[in-house]
Protein backbone atom coordinates (compact mmCIF):
# COMPACT_ATOMS: atom_id res chain seq x y z
CA UNK A 1 12.96 1.29 30.08
CA UNK A 2 13.20 -2.06 28.21
CA UNK A 3 13.47 -2.10 24.45
CA UNK A 4 10.48 -4.29 23.65
CA UNK A 5 8.16 -1.64 22.25
CA UNK A 6 10.09 -1.46 18.75
CA UNK A 7 10.12 -5.21 18.68
CA UNK A 8 6.32 -5.36 19.24
CA UNK A 9 5.90 -2.88 16.37
CA UNK A 10 8.05 -5.01 14.16
CA UNK A 11 6.17 -8.16 15.07
CA UNK A 12 2.90 -6.58 14.42
CA UNK A 13 4.03 -5.30 11.21
CA UNK A 14 5.39 -8.79 10.20
CA UNK A 15 2.05 -10.52 11.09
CA UNK A 16 0.05 -7.99 9.14
CA UNK A 17 2.44 -8.28 6.14
CA UNK A 18 2.17 -12.06 6.14
CA UNK A 19 -1.46 -11.96 6.23
CA UNK A 20 -1.64 -9.65 3.29
CA UNK A 21 0.84 -11.87 1.40
CA UNK A 22 -1.29 -15.00 2.24
CA UNK A 23 -4.39 -13.17 0.89
CA UNK A 24 -2.52 -11.82 -2.09
CA UNK A 25 -1.38 -15.39 -2.97
CA UNK A 26 -5.06 -16.45 -3.41
CA UNK A 27 -5.20 -13.81 -6.26
CA UNK A 28 -1.73 -14.83 -7.62
CA UNK A 29 -0.29 -11.49 -6.53
CA UNK A 30 2.05 -10.13 -3.87
CA UNK A 31 1.31 -8.03 -0.78
CA UNK A 32 2.82 -4.99 -2.39
CA UNK A 33 0.85 -5.50 -5.63
CA UNK A 34 -2.49 -5.65 -3.80
CA UNK A 35 -1.45 -2.56 -1.76
CA UNK A 36 -0.68 -0.68 -4.96
CA UNK A 37 -3.93 -1.76 -6.75
CA UNK A 38 -5.95 -0.73 -3.61
CA UNK A 39 -4.18 2.66 -3.46
CA UNK A 40 -4.68 3.46 -7.12
CA UNK A 41 -8.26 2.32 -7.24
CA UNK A 42 -9.13 4.55 -4.18
CA UNK A 43 -7.47 7.76 -5.61
CA UNK A 44 -7.37 7.57 -9.41
CA UNK A 45 -10.75 9.25 -9.72
CA UNK A 46 -9.66 12.26 -7.67
CA UNK A 47 -6.18 12.78 -8.90
CA UNK A 48 -3.52 11.50 -11.31
CA UNK A 49 -1.34 8.80 -9.70
CA UNK A 50 2.33 8.67 -10.55
CA UNK A 51 5.23 6.51 -9.41
CA UNK A 52 6.21 9.31 -6.92
CA UNK A 53 2.87 8.85 -5.17
CA UNK A 54 3.55 5.13 -4.69
CA UNK A 55 7.02 5.78 -3.30
CA UNK A 56 5.64 8.34 -0.81
CA UNK A 57 2.51 6.23 0.24
CA UNK A 58 4.43 3.07 1.01
CA UNK A 59 7.65 4.68 2.05
CA UNK A 60 9.72 2.67 -0.55
CA UNK A 61 12.77 3.77 -2.60
CA UNK A 62 12.49 4.69 -6.20
CA UNK A 63 14.23 1.45 -7.39
CA UNK A 64 11.79 -0.66 -5.33
CA UNK A 65 8.79 1.16 -6.78
CA UNK A 66 10.14 0.86 -10.37
CA UNK A 67 10.66 -2.80 -9.94
CA UNK A 68 7.24 -3.40 -8.48
CA UNK A 69 5.44 -1.25 -11.15
CA UNK A 70 7.31 -2.82 -14.00
CA UNK A 71 6.28 -6.22 -12.78
CA UNK A 72 2.80 -5.16 -12.51
CA UNK A 73 2.82 -3.74 -16.03
CA UNK A 74 4.26 -7.12 -17.31
CA UNK A 75 1.49 -8.96 -15.51
CA UNK A 76 -1.10 -6.79 -17.13
CA UNK A 77 -2.21 -5.01 -13.74
CA UNK A 78 -1.44 -1.55 -14.78
CA UNK A 79 -0.22 0.66 -17.66
CA UNK A 80 1.81 3.92 -17.64
CA UNK A 81 0.36 6.65 -19.68
CA UNK A 82 2.44 9.76 -20.63
CA UNK A 83 0.87 12.94 -19.60
CA UNK A 84 0.22 15.37 -22.51
CA UNK A 85 1.75 18.36 -21.00
CA UNK A 86 4.88 16.51 -19.91
CA UNK A 87 5.73 13.16 -21.48
CA UNK A 88 8.30 12.40 -18.70
CA UNK A 89 5.36 12.08 -16.26
CA UNK A 90 3.52 8.81 -16.61
CA UNK A 91 0.13 8.33 -15.03
CA UNK A 92 -0.61 4.95 -13.53
CA UNK A 93 -3.87 3.38 -14.54
CA UNK A 94 -5.21 0.03 -13.63
CA UNK A 95 -6.10 -2.52 -16.30
CA UNK A 96 -9.46 -4.14 -16.54
CA UNK A 97 -7.79 -7.24 -14.92
CA UNK A 98 -6.79 -5.18 -11.82
CA UNK A 99 -10.17 -3.54 -11.64
CA UNK A 100 -11.86 -6.76 -11.36
CA UNK A 101 -9.60 -7.71 -8.38
CA UNK A 102 -9.83 -4.28 -6.73
CA UNK A 103 -13.18 -4.84 -4.94
CA UNK A 104 -11.90 -8.07 -3.27
CA UNK A 105 -8.63 -6.20 -2.31
CA UNK A 106 -10.68 -3.35 -0.91
CA UNK A 107 -12.71 -5.61 1.29
CA UNK A 108 -9.68 -7.40 2.53
CA UNK A 109 -8.10 -4.22 3.56
CA UNK A 110 -11.32 -2.92 5.17
CA UNK A 111 -11.59 -6.13 7.18
CA UNK A 112 -7.93 -5.82 8.25
CA UNK A 113 -8.41 -2.20 9.38
CA UNK A 114 -11.40 -3.31 11.45
CA UNK A 115 -9.51 -6.04 13.12
CA UNK A 116 -6.54 -3.72 13.95
CA UNK A 117 -8.92 -1.10 15.32
CA UNK A 118 -10.60 -3.73 17.52
CA UNK A 119 -7.26 -4.97 18.71
CA UNK A 120 -6.02 -1.51 19.83
CA UNK A 121 -9.44 -0.47 21.05
CA UNK A 122 -11.56 1.83 19.01
CA UNK A 123 -11.18 4.60 21.57
CA UNK A 124 -7.30 4.29 21.13
CA UNK A 125 -7.10 4.31 17.29
CA UNK A 126 -6.37 8.05 16.94
CA UNK A 127 -3.84 8.12 19.60
CA UNK A 128 -1.96 4.96 18.17
CA UNK A 129 -2.19 6.31 14.55
CA UNK A 130 -0.63 9.57 15.82
CA UNK A 131 2.12 7.83 17.81
CA UNK A 132 3.02 5.76 14.72
CA UNK A 133 3.14 8.85 12.60
CA UNK A 134 5.41 10.56 15.17
CA UNK A 135 7.74 7.46 15.18
CA UNK A 136 7.88 7.54 11.31
CA UNK A 137 8.74 11.18 11.42
CA UNK A 138 11.52 10.77 13.91
CA UNK A 139 13.24 8.09 11.95
CA UNK A 140 12.70 9.30 8.33
CA UNK A 141 15.87 9.58 6.34
C-alpha cells in the first residue's frame, strides 16, 4: 500500500485552509478568527461558550486558543465575561463588530461545505466524515 492517502488528506486540508485565509483577508481577519466567530455565533444561543469549547472544537492547544482569543479581544471581536457562579470561567461573547461579519462568514462556510460535499459525492459524505473522525480518534494525543 502506498502512502499517498495521508498526503492527499494534508493537501486537501491545506487547500481548504488557504481558501479560508483568502476569504478572511477580505474581512481583515484570519482563517482561525472567522472559524471562531462562526462557531460562537452558531452555538451561543444554545449554550455558554468558553475557551475550552474552542480548544476542543478546533483541536488546538490551550496556548494557541489563548493567543487567538486575546488577539480577537484586542481587535474588538469578542469579550470574555466572568460567570456569576464561578469568576474563573469566562464566557465568550461576540461584539457587535463580529456579529455584523458573522452572516458573511456563515455564508462562506456553507458554500465551502457544499463544495466539499459535491467533491466527495453527496452519497459518500457520511462515510467520508466517519472515516475522518476515525482517523482523528486513532491519532489523538
